[in-house]
N, C-alpha and C. Protein backbone atom coordinates (compact mmCIF):
# COMPACT_ATOMS: atom_id res chain seq x y z
N MET A 1 -71.67 31.59 21.51
CA MET A 1 -71.13 30.62 20.59
C MET A 1 -69.62 30.52 20.78
N THR A 2 -69.10 29.33 20.90
CA THR A 2 -67.66 29.14 20.97
C THR A 2 -67.17 28.53 19.67
N ILE A 3 -65.92 28.78 19.37
CA ILE A 3 -65.32 28.25 18.15
C ILE A 3 -64.01 27.58 18.53
N ALA A 4 -63.66 26.55 17.79
CA ALA A 4 -62.41 25.85 18.05
C ALA A 4 -61.23 26.70 17.59
N ALA A 5 -60.15 26.56 18.28
CA ALA A 5 -58.93 27.27 17.90
C ALA A 5 -58.28 26.58 16.70
N PRO A 6 -57.56 27.33 15.90
CA PRO A 6 -56.85 26.73 14.78
C PRO A 6 -55.80 25.73 15.27
N THR A 7 -55.49 24.77 14.44
CA THR A 7 -54.49 23.75 14.75
C THR A 7 -53.39 23.80 13.69
N ALA A 8 -52.50 22.84 13.75
CA ALA A 8 -51.44 22.76 12.73
C ALA A 8 -52.01 22.45 11.35
N GLU A 9 -53.20 21.84 11.31
CA GLU A 9 -53.81 21.46 10.04
C GLU A 9 -54.92 22.41 9.59
N THR A 10 -55.39 23.30 10.49
CA THR A 10 -56.51 24.18 10.16
C THR A 10 -56.17 25.64 10.44
N ARG A 11 -56.98 26.52 9.87
CA ARG A 11 -56.87 27.95 10.14
C ARG A 11 -58.27 28.56 10.05
N TRP A 12 -58.40 29.79 10.55
CA TRP A 12 -59.68 30.47 10.49
C TRP A 12 -59.88 31.15 9.15
N ARG A 13 -61.15 31.25 8.75
CA ARG A 13 -61.53 31.98 7.53
C ARG A 13 -62.89 32.61 7.78
N CYS A 14 -63.02 33.91 7.48
CA CYS A 14 -64.30 34.59 7.61
C CYS A 14 -65.21 34.12 6.47
N THR A 15 -66.41 33.68 6.80
CA THR A 15 -67.33 33.18 5.78
C THR A 15 -67.94 34.29 4.96
N LEU A 16 -67.87 35.54 5.45
CA LEU A 16 -68.47 36.65 4.70
C LEU A 16 -67.51 37.29 3.70
N CYS A 17 -66.26 37.54 4.12
CA CYS A 17 -65.35 38.26 3.23
C CYS A 17 -64.13 37.45 2.80
N GLY A 18 -63.91 36.29 3.42
CA GLY A 18 -62.78 35.45 3.03
C GLY A 18 -61.49 35.75 3.77
N ASN A 19 -61.49 36.68 4.71
CA ASN A 19 -60.30 37.03 5.48
C ASN A 19 -59.68 35.78 6.11
N LEU A 20 -58.36 35.68 6.01
CA LEU A 20 -57.63 34.57 6.62
C LEU A 20 -56.61 35.03 7.66
N THR A 21 -56.44 36.34 7.82
CA THR A 21 -55.28 36.81 8.58
C THR A 21 -55.53 37.74 9.75
N ARG A 22 -56.68 38.39 9.87
CA ARG A 22 -56.87 39.39 10.92
C ARG A 22 -58.18 39.15 11.66
N PHE A 23 -58.08 38.88 12.96
CA PHE A 23 -59.26 38.61 13.78
C PHE A 23 -59.07 39.20 15.17
N ASP A 24 -60.17 39.69 15.76
CA ASP A 24 -60.19 40.08 17.16
C ASP A 24 -60.81 38.92 17.92
N VAL A 25 -60.11 38.42 18.92
CA VAL A 25 -60.54 37.23 19.66
C VAL A 25 -60.84 37.61 21.10
N THR A 26 -62.02 37.22 21.57
CA THR A 26 -62.37 37.39 22.98
C THR A 26 -62.29 36.01 23.62
N ARG A 27 -61.47 35.91 24.65
CA ARG A 27 -61.27 34.61 25.30
C ARG A 27 -61.29 34.75 26.81
N SER A 28 -61.76 33.70 27.48
CA SER A 28 -61.71 33.63 28.94
C SER A 28 -60.73 32.51 29.30
N SER A 29 -59.94 32.78 30.31
CA SER A 29 -58.99 31.75 30.72
C SER A 29 -58.75 31.80 32.22
N ARG A 30 -58.41 30.64 32.76
CA ARG A 30 -57.96 30.51 34.14
C ARG A 30 -56.52 30.08 34.07
N VAL A 31 -55.65 30.85 34.73
CA VAL A 31 -54.22 30.55 34.67
C VAL A 31 -53.60 30.59 36.06
N VAL A 32 -52.50 29.88 36.18
CA VAL A 32 -51.66 29.97 37.36
C VAL A 32 -50.35 30.58 36.87
N GLU A 33 -49.94 31.66 37.51
CA GLU A 33 -48.70 32.32 37.11
C GLU A 33 -47.70 32.33 38.26
N PHE A 34 -46.44 32.12 37.91
CA PHE A 34 -45.36 32.26 38.87
C PHE A 34 -44.79 33.66 38.69
N LEU A 35 -44.94 34.50 39.71
CA LEU A 35 -44.44 35.87 39.67
C LEU A 35 -43.14 35.96 40.44
N HIS A 36 -42.17 36.63 39.87
CA HIS A 36 -40.89 36.87 40.52
C HIS A 36 -40.80 38.37 40.81
N PHE A 37 -40.68 38.70 42.07
CA PHE A 37 -40.56 40.10 42.49
C PHE A 37 -39.11 40.41 42.77
N ASP A 38 -38.62 41.55 42.26
CA ASP A 38 -37.27 41.97 42.62
C ASP A 38 -37.33 42.74 43.94
N LEU A 39 -36.20 43.13 44.44
CA LEU A 39 -36.16 43.78 45.75
C LEU A 39 -36.85 45.14 45.75
N ALA A 40 -37.01 45.75 44.59
CA ALA A 40 -37.72 47.03 44.51
C ALA A 40 -39.24 46.84 44.48
N GLY A 41 -39.68 45.58 44.34
CA GLY A 41 -41.11 45.30 44.33
C GLY A 41 -41.72 45.16 42.94
N ASP A 42 -40.91 45.30 41.89
CA ASP A 42 -41.41 45.11 40.54
C ASP A 42 -41.51 43.62 40.23
N SER A 43 -42.58 43.24 39.53
CA SER A 43 -42.78 41.82 39.27
C SER A 43 -42.63 41.49 37.80
N LYS A 44 -42.35 40.22 37.56
CA LYS A 44 -42.23 39.69 36.21
C LYS A 44 -42.83 38.29 36.22
N VAL A 45 -43.68 37.98 35.24
CA VAL A 45 -44.24 36.64 35.12
C VAL A 45 -43.19 35.74 34.50
N GLU A 46 -42.79 34.69 35.22
CA GLU A 46 -41.76 33.79 34.72
C GLU A 46 -42.34 32.48 34.19
N GLU A 47 -43.49 32.07 34.68
CA GLU A 47 -44.14 30.85 34.19
C GLU A 47 -45.64 31.07 34.18
N THR A 48 -46.29 30.51 33.17
CA THR A 48 -47.75 30.56 33.09
C THR A 48 -48.26 29.18 32.74
N GLU A 49 -49.21 28.70 33.52
CA GLU A 49 -49.87 27.43 33.25
C GLU A 49 -51.35 27.72 32.98
N VAL A 50 -51.83 27.39 31.79
CA VAL A 50 -53.22 27.61 31.44
C VAL A 50 -54.04 26.42 31.93
N LEU A 51 -54.97 26.69 32.85
CA LEU A 51 -55.83 25.63 33.39
C LEU A 51 -57.01 25.38 32.47
N THR A 52 -57.69 26.43 32.05
CA THR A 52 -58.80 26.33 31.09
C THR A 52 -58.79 27.56 30.21
N GLU A 53 -59.28 27.38 29.00
CA GLU A 53 -59.37 28.51 28.09
C GLU A 53 -60.55 28.29 27.16
N THR A 54 -61.35 29.33 26.99
CA THR A 54 -62.51 29.27 26.12
C THR A 54 -62.48 30.46 25.17
N LEU A 55 -62.59 30.18 23.88
CA LEU A 55 -62.73 31.25 22.90
C LEU A 55 -64.20 31.62 22.86
N GLU A 56 -64.52 32.84 23.27
CA GLU A 56 -65.92 33.26 23.35
C GLU A 56 -66.44 33.80 22.04
N SER A 57 -65.63 34.59 21.35
CA SER A 57 -66.06 35.11 20.05
C SER A 57 -64.85 35.47 19.23
N VAL A 58 -65.06 35.46 17.91
CA VAL A 58 -64.03 35.86 16.97
C VAL A 58 -64.68 36.85 16.01
N ARG A 59 -64.08 38.04 15.88
CA ARG A 59 -64.60 39.07 15.00
C ARG A 59 -63.61 39.33 13.89
N CYS A 60 -64.10 39.37 12.67
CA CYS A 60 -63.27 39.64 11.51
C CYS A 60 -62.84 41.10 11.51
N ARG A 61 -61.57 41.38 11.38
CA ARG A 61 -61.07 42.74 11.35
C ARG A 61 -61.39 43.44 10.04
N TRP A 62 -61.59 42.69 8.97
CA TRP A 62 -61.84 43.30 7.67
C TRP A 62 -63.28 43.76 7.52
N CYS A 63 -64.25 42.88 7.83
CA CYS A 63 -65.65 43.23 7.58
C CYS A 63 -66.47 43.40 8.86
N ASN A 64 -65.82 43.21 10.02
CA ASN A 64 -66.45 43.42 11.32
C ASN A 64 -67.52 42.38 11.66
N ALA A 65 -67.57 41.28 10.94
CA ALA A 65 -68.54 40.23 11.21
C ALA A 65 -68.17 39.50 12.50
N VAL A 66 -69.16 39.22 13.32
CA VAL A 66 -68.94 38.52 14.58
C VAL A 66 -69.44 37.09 14.43
N ASP A 67 -68.64 36.16 14.89
CA ASP A 67 -68.98 34.74 14.88
C ASP A 67 -69.34 34.22 13.50
N GLN A 68 -68.66 34.71 12.49
CA GLN A 68 -68.83 34.23 11.12
C GLN A 68 -67.55 33.56 10.64
N VAL A 69 -66.82 32.94 11.56
CA VAL A 69 -65.53 32.35 11.25
C VAL A 69 -65.67 30.83 11.25
N GLU A 70 -65.04 30.21 10.27
CA GLU A 70 -65.04 28.75 10.18
C GLU A 70 -63.59 28.25 10.16
N LEU A 71 -63.43 26.98 10.49
CA LEU A 71 -62.12 26.35 10.38
C LEU A 71 -62.01 25.74 8.99
N VAL A 72 -60.91 26.02 8.32
CA VAL A 72 -60.64 25.43 7.00
C VAL A 72 -59.25 24.82 7.03
N ALA A 73 -59.00 23.89 6.13
CA ALA A 73 -57.70 23.24 6.06
C ALA A 73 -56.64 24.23 5.59
N ARG A 74 -55.45 24.12 6.17
CA ARG A 74 -54.32 24.92 5.68
C ARG A 74 -53.90 24.35 4.32
N PRO A 75 -53.39 25.17 3.43
CA PRO A 75 -53.05 24.69 2.10
C PRO A 75 -52.00 23.58 2.09
N ASP A 76 -51.07 23.60 3.03
CA ASP A 76 -50.01 22.60 3.05
C ASP A 76 -50.24 21.51 4.09
N ALA A 77 -51.40 21.46 4.71
CA ALA A 77 -51.66 20.51 5.80
C ALA A 77 -51.59 19.07 5.33
N GLU A 78 -52.13 18.78 4.18
CA GLU A 78 -52.13 17.40 3.68
C GLU A 78 -50.70 16.92 3.42
N GLN A 79 -49.87 17.76 2.80
CA GLN A 79 -48.49 17.41 2.50
C GLN A 79 -47.68 17.24 3.80
N ALA A 80 -47.89 18.12 4.78
CA ALA A 80 -47.17 18.03 6.04
C ALA A 80 -47.53 16.76 6.79
N ALA A 81 -48.81 16.38 6.79
CA ALA A 81 -49.24 15.16 7.46
C ALA A 81 -48.62 13.94 6.80
N LYS A 82 -48.54 13.97 5.48
CA LYS A 82 -47.95 12.85 4.74
C LYS A 82 -46.47 12.71 5.07
N GLU A 83 -45.75 13.84 5.12
CA GLU A 83 -44.33 13.83 5.45
C GLU A 83 -44.08 13.34 6.88
N GLN A 84 -44.98 13.72 7.79
CA GLN A 84 -44.81 13.31 9.18
C GLN A 84 -45.01 11.80 9.32
N GLN A 85 -45.94 11.21 8.57
CA GLN A 85 -46.19 9.78 8.63
C GLN A 85 -45.00 9.00 8.07
N GLU A 86 -44.31 9.56 7.06
CA GLU A 86 -43.19 8.88 6.44
C GLU A 86 -41.95 8.87 7.32
N SER A 87 -41.83 9.83 8.25
CA SER A 87 -40.63 9.87 9.09
C SER A 87 -40.75 9.06 10.34
């Protein structure tokens, strides 16, 4: 089961315990990274481009429920959308 990632208007909520803040997320991604090596051979990632990303599962940290997460509206999402339309 895959779940959508939260957006500026939504957030995750555990349907069993109501948790809104702590989740373990398992995700698969394909990325292209630009690595910069110094003369000693140590590397540092300077740029990352995400080609694809899939959220495979989300586990609630509070009650340990797996895939019991839903997207709900953020409390201020309606007001923020209204303000953005006015500007």
